[in-house]
Amino acid sequence: MQMLYNSDSFAVVMFDASDDDAAGSTSALIRGGYEIVDKFARKEIFIEGALAQSFKEGVEALIESQPSEEEIDEYLGRFSVLMQHPVILH
């Protein structure tokens, strides 16, 4: 787990996980994804697979332009409509 981004509006955490059964194998299955939290809406989404790859590519393209925090938040806001899970603190 690695915190990638944290602003007043959003937080993004990357999760990397490998298949323990394939440990030592050169073809180990690597799974992971990104958790995006909308702090104002108090909702989150976990994305993986093709959507996570698309998210990563979009972020990489955005980073090349040295964006402001507002521009990054605007990009992350596109995922807010997909967020269904409320953020619950324990």
PDB file of N, CA and C in Angstrom:
ATOM      1  N   MET A   1       0.847  -1.165   0.000  1.00  0.00           N
ATOM      2  CA  MET A   1       0.000   0.000   0.000  1.00  0.00           C
ATOM      3  C   MET A   1       0.894   1.230   0.000  1.00  0.00           C
ATOM      4  N   GLN A   2       0.581   2.170  -0.900  1.00  0.00           N
ATOM      5  CA  GLN A   2       1.393   3.368  -1.012  1.00  0.00           C
ATOM      6  C   GLN A   2       0.485   4.565  -1.293  1.00  0.00           C
ATOM      7  N   MET A   3       0.589   5.593  -0.441  1.00  0.00           N
ATOM      8  CA  MET A   3      -0.171   6.826  -0.663  1.00  0.00           C
ATOM      9  C   MET A   3       0.440   7.551  -1.847  1.00  0.00           C
ATOM     10  N   LEU A   4      -0.354   7.787  -2.893  1.00  0.00           N
ATOM     11  CA  LEU A   4       0.134   8.467  -4.084  1.00  0.00           C
ATOM     12  C   LEU A   4      -0.237   9.940  -4.106  1.00  0.00           C
ATOM     13  N   TYR A   5      -1.382  10.266  -3.529  1.00  0.00           N
ATOM     14  CA  TYR A   5      -1.860  11.639  -3.602  1.00  0.00           C
ATOM     15  C   TYR A   5      -2.765  11.906  -2.422  1.00  0.00           C
ATOM     16  N   ASN A   6      -2.658  13.118  -1.857  1.00  0.00           N
ATOM     17  CA  ASN A   6      -3.496  13.493  -0.733  1.00  0.00           C
ATOM     18  C   ASN A   6      -3.690  15.007  -0.772  1.00  0.00           C
ATOM     19  N   SER A   7      -4.927  15.431  -1.032  1.00  0.00           N
ATOM     20  CA  SER A   7      -5.253  16.850  -1.022  1.00  0.00           C
ATOM     21  C   SER A   7      -6.421  17.053  -0.061  1.00  0.00           C
ATOM     22  N   ASP A   8      -6.930  18.270  -0.002  1.00  0.00           N
ATOM     23  CA  ASP A   8      -8.098  18.526   0.837  1.00  0.00           C
ATOM     24  C   ASP A   8      -9.331  17.816   0.304  1.00  0.00           C
ATOM     25  N   SER A   9      -9.343  17.515  -1.002  1.00  0.00           N
ATOM     26  CA  SER A   9     -10.520  16.928  -1.635  1.00  0.00           C
ATOM     27  C   SER A   9     -10.443  15.425  -1.862  1.00  0.00           C
ATOM     28  N   PHE A  10      -9.252  14.930  -2.227  1.00  0.00           N
ATOM     29  CA  PHE A  10      -9.105  13.529  -2.621  1.00  0.00           C
ATOM     30  C   PHE A  10      -7.870  12.892  -2.001  1.00  0.00           C
ATOM     31  N   ALA A  11      -7.920  11.570  -1.923  1.00  0.00           N
ATOM     32  CA  ALA A  11      -6.752  10.766  -1.574  1.00  0.00           C
ATOM     33  C   ALA A  11      -6.715   9.578  -2.525  1.00  0.00           C
ATOM     34  N   VAL A  12      -5.509   9.199  -2.933  1.00  0.00           N
ATOM     35  CA  VAL A  12      -5.339   8.041  -3.815  1.00  0.00           C
ATOM     36  C   VAL A  12      -4.273   7.142  -3.205  1.00  0.00           C
ATOM     37  N   VAL A  13      -4.633   5.870  -3.049  1.00  0.00           N
ATOM     38  CA  VAL A  13      -3.712   4.873  -2.507  1.00  0.00           C
ATOM     39  C   VAL A  13      -3.565   3.759  -3.529  1.00  0.00           C
ATOM     40  N   MET A  14      -2.322   3.340  -3.761  1.00  0.00           N
ATOM     41  CA  MET A  14      -2.058   2.234  -4.675  1.00  0.00           C
ATOM     42  C   MET A  14      -1.835   0.968  -3.857  1.00  0.00           C
ATOM     43  N   PHE A  15      -2.470  -0.115  -4.286  1.00  0.00           N
ATOM     44  CA  PHE A  15      -2.304  -1.417  -3.648  1.00  0.00           C
ATOM     45  C   PHE A  15      -1.643  -2.361  -4.638  1.00  0.00           C
ATOM     46  N   ASP A  16      -0.553  -2.973  -4.232  1.00  0.00           N
ATOM     47  CA  ASP A  16       0.104  -4.017  -5.014  1.00  0.00           C
ATOM     48  C   ASP A  16       0.003  -5.300  -4.219  1.00  0.00           C
ATOM     49  N   ALA A  17      -0.411  -6.350  -4.881  1.00  0.00           N
ATOM     50  CA  ALA A  17      -0.516  -7.650  -4.230  1.00  0.00           C
ATOM     51  C   ALA A  17      -0.076  -8.710  -5.218  1.00  0.00           C
ATOM     52  N   SER A  18       0.704  -9.656  -4.747  1.00  0.00           N
ATOM     53  CA  SER A  18       1.104 -10.760  -5.611  1.00  0.00           C
ATOM     54  C   SER A  18       0.496 -12.040  -5.089  1.00  0.00           C
ATOM     55  N   ASP A  19       0.278 -12.958  -5.975  1.00  0.00           N
ATOM     56  CA  ASP A  19      -0.288 -14.261  -5.637  1.00  0.00           C
ATOM     57  C   ASP A  19       0.775 -15.065  -4.890  1.00  0.00           C
ATOM     58  N   ASP A  20       0.538 -15.337  -3.602  1.00  0.00           N
ATOM     59  CA  ASP A  20       1.518 -16.054  -2.785  1.00  0.00           C
ATOM     60  C   ASP A  20       1.779 -17.475  -3.287  1.00  0.00           C
ATOM     61  N   ASP A  21       0.782 -18.072  -3.935  1.00  0.00           N
ATOM     62  CA  ASP A  21       0.964 -19.426  -4.460  1.00  0.00           C
ATOM     63  C   ASP A  21       1.981 -19.456  -5.596  1.00  0.00           C
ATOM     64  N   ALA A  22       2.140 -18.329  -6.265  1.00  0.00           N
ATOM     65  CA  ALA A  22       3.057 -18.266  -7.397  1.00  0.00           C
ATOM     66  C   ALA A  22       4.418 -17.709  -6.982  1.00  0.00           C
ATOM     67  N   ALA A  23       4.645 -17.583  -5.683  1.00  0.00           N
ATOM     68  CA  ALA A  23       5.921 -17.040  -5.209  1.00  0.00           C
ATOM     69  C   ALA A  23       7.064 -17.902  -5.723  1.00  0.00           C
ATOM     70  N   GLY A  24       8.085 -17.253  -6.189  1.00  0.00           N
ATOM     71  CA  GLY A  24       9.229 -17.974  -6.735  1.00  0.00           C
ATOM     72  C   GLY A  24       9.078 -18.280  -8.205  1.00  0.00           C
ATOM     73  N   SER A  25       7.888 -18.124  -8.718  1.00  0.00           N
ATOM     74  CA  SER A  25       7.644 -18.365 -10.131  1.00  0.00           C
ATOM     75  C   SER A  25       7.938 -17.088 -10.906  1.00  0.00           C
ATOM     76  N   THR A  26       8.448 -17.250 -12.113  1.00  0.00           N
ATOM     77  CA  THR A  26       8.730 -16.072 -12.935  1.00  0.00           C
ATOM     78  C   THR A  26       7.454 -15.488 -13.519  1.00  0.00           C
ATOM     79  N   SER A  27       6.358 -16.229 -13.462  1.00  0.00           N
ATOM     80  CA  SER A  27       5.091 -15.736 -13.993  1.00  0.00           C
ATOM     81  C   SER A  27       4.102 -15.452 -12.867  1.00  0.00           C
ATOM     82  N   ALA A  28       4.594 -14.885 -11.774  1.00  0.00           N
ATOM     83  CA  ALA A  28       3.735 -14.592 -10.630  1.00  0.00           C
ATOM     84  C   ALA A  28       2.627 -13.624 -11.028  1.00  0.00           C
ATOM     85  N   LEU A  29       1.419 -13.946 -10.618  1.00  0.00           N
ATOM     86  CA  LEU A  29       0.274 -13.090 -10.891  1.00  0.00           C
ATOM     87  C   LEU A  29       0.344 -11.893  -9.960  1.00  0.00           C
ATOM     88  N   ILE A  30       0.337 -10.725 -10.534  1.00  0.00           N
ATOM     89  CA  ILE A  30       0.367  -9.519  -9.724  1.00  0.00           C
ATOM     90  C   ILE A  30      -0.969  -8.829  -9.881  1.00  0.00           C
ATOM     91  N   ARG A  31      -1.618  -8.611  -8.758  1.00  0.00           N
ATOM     92  CA  ARG A  31      -2.909  -7.934  -8.744  1.00  0.00           C
ATOM     93  C   ARG A  31      -2.794  -6.737  -7.837  1.00  0.00           C
ATOM     94  N   GLY A  32      -3.549  -5.797  -8.107  1.00  0.00           N
ATOM     95  CA  GLY A  32      -3.579  -4.608  -7.277  1.00  0.00           C
ATOM     96  C   GLY A  32      -4.552  -3.627  -7.876  1.00  0.00           C
ATOM     97  N   GLY A  33      -4.487  -2.425  -7.406  1.00  0.00           N
ATOM     98  CA  GLY A  33      -5.381  -1.419  -7.923  1.00  0.00           C
ATOM     99  C   GLY A  33      -5.198  -0.121  -7.177  1.00  0.00           C
ATOM    100  N   TYR A  34      -6.168   0.733  -7.326  1.00  0.00           N
ATOM    101  CA  TYR A  34      -6.121   2.057  -6.728  1.00  0.00           C
ATOM    102  C   TYR A  34      -7.407   2.313  -5.961  1.00  0.00           C
ATOM    103  N   GLU A  35      -7.267   2.862  -4.774  1.00  0.00           N
ATOM    104  CA  GLU A  35      -8.416   3.319  -4.014  1.00  0.00           C
ATOM    105  C   GLU A  35      -8.435   4.837  -4.125  1.00  0.00           C
ATOM    106  N   ILE A  36      -9.558   5.378  -4.576  1.00  0.00           N
ATOM    107  CA  ILE A  36      -9.726   6.818  -4.700  1.00  0.00           C
ATOM    108  C   ILE A  36     -10.819   7.218  -3.714  1.00  0.00           C
ATOM    109  N   VAL A  37     -10.499   8.195  -2.860  1.00  0.00           N
ATOM    110  CA  VAL A  37     -11.441   8.657  -1.845  1.00  0.00           C
ATOM    111  C   VAL A  37     -11.791  10.111  -2.111  1.00  0.00           C
ATOM    112  N   ASP A  38     -13.083  10.382  -2.211  1.00  0.00           N
ATOM    113  CA  ASP A  38     -13.590  11.749  -2.306  1.00  0.00           C
ATOM    114  C   ASP A  38     -13.913  12.172  -0.877  1.00  0.00           C
ATOM    115  N   LYS A  39     -13.105  13.051  -0.321  1.00  0.00           N
ATOM    116  CA  LYS A  39     -13.239  13.424   1.084  1.00  0.00           C
ATOM    117  C   LYS A  39     -14.501  14.221   1.363  1.00  0.00           C
ATOM    118  N   PHE A  40     -14.936  15.052   0.406  1.00  0.00           N
ATOM    119  CA  PHE A  40     -16.135  15.854   0.626  1.00  0.00           C
ATOM    120  C   PHE A  40     -17.396  15.008   0.540  1.00  0.00           C
ATOM    121  N   ALA A  41     -17.468  14.121  -0.428  1.00  0.00           N
ATOM    122  CA  ALA A  41     -18.632  13.248  -0.581  1.00  0.00           C
ATOM    123  C   ALA A  41     -18.593  12.084   0.406  1.00  0.00           C
ATOM    124  N   ARG A  42     -17.424  11.841   0.997  1.00  0.00           N
ATOM    125  CA  ARG A  42     -17.206  10.736   1.939  1.00  0.00           C
ATOM    126  C   ARG A  42     -17.561   9.390   1.306  1.00  0.00           C
ATOM    127  N   LYS A  43     -17.067   9.230   0.051  1.00  0.00           N
ATOM    128  CA  LYS A  43     -17.254   7.973  -0.676  1.00  0.00           C
ATOM    129  C   LYS A  43     -15.931   7.573  -1.298  1.00  0.00           C
ATOM    130  N   GLU A  44     -15.830   6.283  -1.645  1.00  0.00           N
ATOM    131  CA  GLU A  44     -14.596   5.776  -2.247  1.00  0.00           C
ATOM    132  C   GLU A  44     -14.900   4.718  -3.268  1.00  0.00           C
ATOM    133  N   ILE A  45     -13.876   4.453  -4.080  1.00  0.00           N
ATOM    134  CA  ILE A  45     -13.961   3.376  -5.063  1.00  0.00           C
ATOM    135  C   ILE A  45     -12.602   2.700  -5.141  1.00  0.00           C
ATOM    136  N   PHE A  46     -12.627   1.392  -5.348  1.00  0.00           N
ATOM    137  CA  PHE A  46     -11.410   0.630  -5.609  1.00  0.00           C
ATOM    138  C   PHE A  46     -11.479   0.187  -7.058  1.00  0.00           C
ATOM    139  N   ILE A  47     -10.466   0.558  -7.831  1.00  0.00           N
ATOM    140  CA  ILE A  47     -10.452   0.169  -9.245  1.00  0.00           C
ATOM    141  C   ILE A  47      -9.277  -0.764  -9.496  1.00  0.00           C
ATOM    142  N   GLU A  48      -9.501  -1.711 -10.399  1.00  0.00           N
ATOM    143  CA  GLU A  48      -8.454  -2.659 -10.771  1.00  0.00           C
ATOM    144  C   GLU A  48      -8.637  -3.033 -12.226  1.00  0.00           C
ATOM    145  N   GLY A  49      -7.717  -3.792 -12.743  1.00  0.00           N
ATOM    146  CA  GLY A  49      -7.824  -4.275 -14.117  1.00  0.00           C
ATOM    147  C   GLY A  49      -7.698  -3.174 -15.149  1.00  0.00           C
ATOM    148  N   ALA A  50      -8.534  -3.252 -16.184  1.00  0.00           N
ATOM    149  CA  ALA A  50      -8.462  -2.308 -17.301  1.00  0.00           C
ATOM    150  C   ALA A  50      -8.742  -0.875 -16.857  1.00  0.00           C
ATOM    151  N   LEU A  51      -9.672  -0.691 -15.935  1.00  0.00           N
ATOM    152  CA  LEU A  51      -9.973   0.658 -15.453  1.00  0.00           C
ATOM    153  C   LEU A  51      -8.785   1.238 -14.691  1.00  0.00           C
ATOM    154  N   ALA A  52      -8.115   0.407 -13.896  1.00  0.00           N
ATOM    155  CA  ALA A  52      -6.928   0.869 -13.172  1.00  0.00           C
ATOM    156  C   ALA A  52      -5.806   1.227 -14.140  1.00  0.00           C
ATOM    157  N   GLN A  53      -5.646   0.449 -15.188  1.00  0.00           N
ATOM    158  CA  GLN A  53      -4.617   0.741 -16.187  1.00  0.00           C
ATOM    159  C   GLN A  53      -4.920   2.060 -16.894  1.00  0.00           C
ATOM    160  N   SER A  54      -6.176   2.273 -17.236  1.00  0.00           N
ATOM    161  CA  SER A  54      -6.584   3.526 -17.868  1.00  0.00           C
ATOM    162  C   SER A  54      -6.363   4.702 -16.928  1.00  0.00           C
ATOM    163  N   PHE A  55      -6.676   4.519 -15.648  1.00  0.00           N
ATOM    164  CA  PHE A  55      -6.454   5.558 -14.641  1.00  0.00           C
ATOM    165  C   PHE A  55      -4.966   5.902 -14.554  1.00  0.00           C
ATOM    166  N   LYS A  56      -4.129   4.872 -14.493  1.00  0.00           N
ATOM    167  CA  LYS A  56      -2.677   5.074 -14.410  1.00  0.00           C
ATOM    168  C   LYS A  56      -2.156   5.846 -15.618  1.00  0.00           C
ATOM    169  N   GLU A  57      -2.595   5.460 -16.801  1.00  0.00           N
ATOM    170  CA  GLU A  57      -2.154   6.144 -18.021  1.00  0.00           C
ATOM    171  C   GLU A  57      -2.627   7.599 -18.040  1.00  0.00           C
ATOM    172  N   GLY A  58      -3.829   7.851 -17.576  1.00  0.00           N
ATOM    173  CA  GLY A  58      -4.346   9.214 -17.502  1.00  0.00           C
ATOM    174  C   GLY A  58      -3.559  10.073 -16.535  1.00  0.00           C
ATOM    175  N   VAL A  59      -3.208   9.497 -15.398  1.00  0.00           N
ATOM    176  CA  VAL A  59      -2.412  10.224 -14.406  1.00  0.00           C
ATOM    177  C   VAL A  59      -1.015  10.509 -14.951  1.00  0.00           C
ATOM    178  N   GLU A  60      -0.410   9.520 -15.602  1.00  0.00           N
ATOM    179  CA  GLU A  60       0.933   9.725 -16.171  1.00  0.00           C
ATOM    180  C   GLU A  60       0.925  10.843 -17.210  1.00  0.00           C
ATOM    181  N   ALA A  61      -0.102  10.890 -18.047  1.00  0.00           N
ATOM    182  CA  ALA A  61      -0.211  11.956 -19.052  1.00  0.00           C
ATOM    183  C   ALA A  61      -0.418  13.309 -18.373  1.00  0.00           C
ATOM    184  N   LEU A  62      -1.198  13.332 -17.321  1.00  0.00           N
ATOM    185  CA  LEU A  62      -1.444  14.571 -16.589  1.00  0.00           C
ATOM    186  C   LEU A  62      -0.177  15.079 -15.913  1.00  0.00           C
ATOM    187  N   ILE A  63       0.589  14.176 -15.330  1.00  0.00           N
ATOM    188  CA  ILE A  63       1.808  14.546 -14.611  1.00  0.00           C
ATOM    189  C   ILE A  63       2.830  15.182 -15.547  1.00  0.00           C
ATOM    190  N   GLU A  64       2.849  14.765 -16.793  1.00  0.00           N
ATOM    191  CA  GLU A  64       3.801  15.322 -17.757  1.00  0.00           C
ATOM    192  C   GLU A  64       3.621  16.828 -17.938  1.00  0.00           C
ATOM    193  N   SER A  65       2.413  17.330 -17.700  1.00  0.00           N
ATOM    194  CA  SER A  65       2.145  18.762 -17.876  1.00  0.00           C
ATOM    195  C   SER A  65       2.358  19.559 -16.588  1.00  0.00           C
ATOM    196  N   GLN A  66       2.897  18.927 -15.558  1.00  0.00           N
ATOM    197  CA  GLN A  66       3.120  19.544 -14.247  1.00  0.00           C
ATOM    198  C   GLN A  66       1.853  20.262 -13.766  1.00  0.00           C
ATOM    199  N   PRO A  67       0.799  19.487 -13.474  1.00  0.00           N
ATOM    200  CA  PRO A  67      -0.507  20.068 -13.152  1.00  0.00           C
ATOM    201  C   PRO A  67      -0.544  20.707 -11.761  1.00  0.00           C
ATOM    202  N   SER A  68      -1.500  21.586 -11.578  1.00  0.00           N
ATOM    203  CA  SER A  68      -1.752  22.153 -10.259  1.00  0.00           C
ATOM    204  C   SER A  68      -2.605  21.159  -9.466  1.00  0.00           C
ATOM    205  N   GLU A  69      -2.739  21.405  -8.183  1.00  0.00           N
ATOM    206  CA  GLU A  69      -3.571  20.543  -7.346  1.00  0.00           C
ATOM    207  C   GLU A  69      -5.014  20.555  -7.841  1.00  0.00           C
ATOM    208  N   GLU A  70      -5.481  21.696  -8.299  1.00  0.00           N
ATOM    209  CA  GLU A  70      -6.852  21.806  -8.809  1.00  0.00           C
ATOM    210  C   GLU A  70      -7.047  20.943 -10.055  1.00  0.00           C
ATOM    211  N   GLU A  71      -6.059  20.904 -10.923  1.00  0.00           N
ATOM    212  CA  GLU A  71      -6.164  20.084 -12.140  1.00  0.00           C
ATOM    213  C   GLU A  71      -6.170  18.592 -11.796  1.00  0.00           C
ATOM    214  N   ILE A  72      -5.377  18.203 -10.818  1.00  0.00           N
ATOM    215  CA  ILE A  72      -5.376  16.796 -10.397  1.00  0.00           C
ATOM    216  C   ILE A  72      -6.714  16.448  -9.766  1.00  0.00           C
ATOM    217  N   ASP A  73      -7.213  17.332  -8.895  1.00  0.00           N
ATOM    218  CA  ASP A  73      -8.509  17.097  -8.268  1.00  0.00           C
ATOM    219  C   ASP A  73      -9.625  17.019  -9.307  1.00  0.00           C
ATOM    220  N   GLU A  74      -9.532  17.838 -10.348  1.00  0.00           N
ATOM    221  CA  GLU A  74     -10.528  17.797 -11.425  1.00  0.00           C
ATOM    222  C   GLU A  74     -10.508  16.437 -12.129  1.00  0.00           C
ATOM    223  N   TYR A  75      -9.297  15.909 -12.389  1.00  0.00           N
ATOM    224  CA  TYR A  75      -9.180  14.588 -13.017  1.00  0.00           C
ATOM    225  C   TYR A  75      -9.776  13.515 -12.102  1.00  0.00           C
ATOM    226  N   LEU A  76      -9.445  13.562 -10.830  1.00  0.00           N
ATOM    227  CA  LEU A  76      -9.957  12.569  -9.892  1.00  0.00           C
ATOM    228  C   LEU A  76     -11.466  12.695  -9.726  1.00  0.00           C
ATOM    229  N   GLY A  77     -11.980  13.904  -9.867  1.00  0.00           N
ATOM    230  CA  GLY A  77     -13.417  14.126  -9.749  1.00  0.00           C
ATOM    231  C   GLY A  77     -14.225  13.373 -10.796  1.00  0.00           C
ATOM    232  N   ARG A  78     -13.590  13.046 -11.908  1.00  0.00           N
ATOM    233  CA  ARG A  78     -14.277  12.265 -12.939  1.00  0.00           C
ATOM    234  C   ARG A  78     -14.704  10.888 -12.437  1.00  0.00           C
ATOM    235  N   PHE A  79     -14.022  10.396 -11.413  1.00  0.00           N
ATOM    236  CA  PHE A  79     -14.320   9.070 -10.873  1.00  0.00           C
ATOM    237  C   PHE A  79     -15.367   9.129  -9.766  1.00  0.00           C
ATOM    238  N   SER A  80     -15.745  10.333  -9.337  1.00  0.00           N
ATOM    239  CA  SER A  80     -16.710  10.482  -8.243  1.00  0.00           C
ATOM    240  C   SER A  80     -18.062   9.857  -8.566  1.00  0.00           C
ATOM    241  N   VAL A  81     -18.479   9.918  -9.828  1.00  0.00           N
ATOM    242  CA  VAL A  81     -19.780   9.352 -10.191  1.00  0.00           C
ATOM    243  C   VAL A  81     -19.807   7.833 -10.027  1.00  0.00           C
ATOM    244  N   LEU A  82     -18.638   7.205 -10.015  1.00  0.00           N
ATOM    245  CA  LEU A  82     -18.560   5.755  -9.856  1.00  0.00           C
ATOM    246  C   LEU A  82     -18.538   5.325  -8.389  1.00  0.00           C
ATOM    247  N   MET A  83     -18.300   6.276  -7.503  1.00  0.00           N
ATOM    248  CA  MET A  83     -18.125   5.949  -6.082  1.00  0.00           C
ATOM    249  C   MET A  83     -19.456   5.628  -5.430  1.00  0.00           C
ATOM    250  N   GLN A  84     -19.566   4.422  -4.879  1.00  0.00           N
ATOM    251  CA  GLN A  84     -20.783   3.972  -4.232  1.00  0.00           C
ATOM    252  C   GLN A  84     -20.572   3.631  -2.757  1.00  0.00           C
ATOM    253  N   HIS A  85     -19.331   3.365  -2.399  1.00  0.00           N
ATOM    254  CA  HIS A  85     -19.039   2.917  -1.039  1.00  0.00           C
ATOM    255  C   HIS A  85     -18.790   4.106  -0.113  1.00  0.00           C
ATOM    256  N   PRO A  86     -19.549   4.200   0.978  1.00  0.00           N
ATOM    257  CA  PRO A  86     -19.291   5.290   1.916  1.00  0.00           C
ATOM    258  C   PRO A  86     -17.989   5.026   2.678  1.00  0.00           C
ATOM    259  N   VAL A  87     -17.293   6.100   3.016  1.00  0.00           N
ATOM    260  CA  VAL A  87     -16.083   5.981   3.817  1.00  0.00           C
ATOM    261  C   VAL A  87     -16.518   5.827   5.277  1.00  0.00           C
ATOM    262  N   ILE A  88     -16.044   4.760   5.909  1.00  0.00           N
ATOM    263  CA  ILE A  88     -16.392   4.484   7.294  1.00  0.00           C
ATOM    264  C   ILE A  88     -15.111   4.400   8.110  1.00  0.00           C
ATOM    265  N   LEU A  89     -15.062   5.179   9.162  1.00  0.00           N
ATOM    266  CA  LEU A  89     -13.898   5.149  10.048  1.00  0.00           C
ATOM    267  C   LEU A  89     -14.190   4.247  11.219  1.00  0.00           C
ATOM    268  N   HIS A  90     -13.198   3.458  11.603  1.00  0.00           N
ATOM    269  CA  HIS A  90     -13.382   2.530  12.731  1.00  0.00           C
ATOM    270  C   HIS A  90     -12.673   3.092  13.944  1.00  0.00           C
TER     271      HIS A  90
END
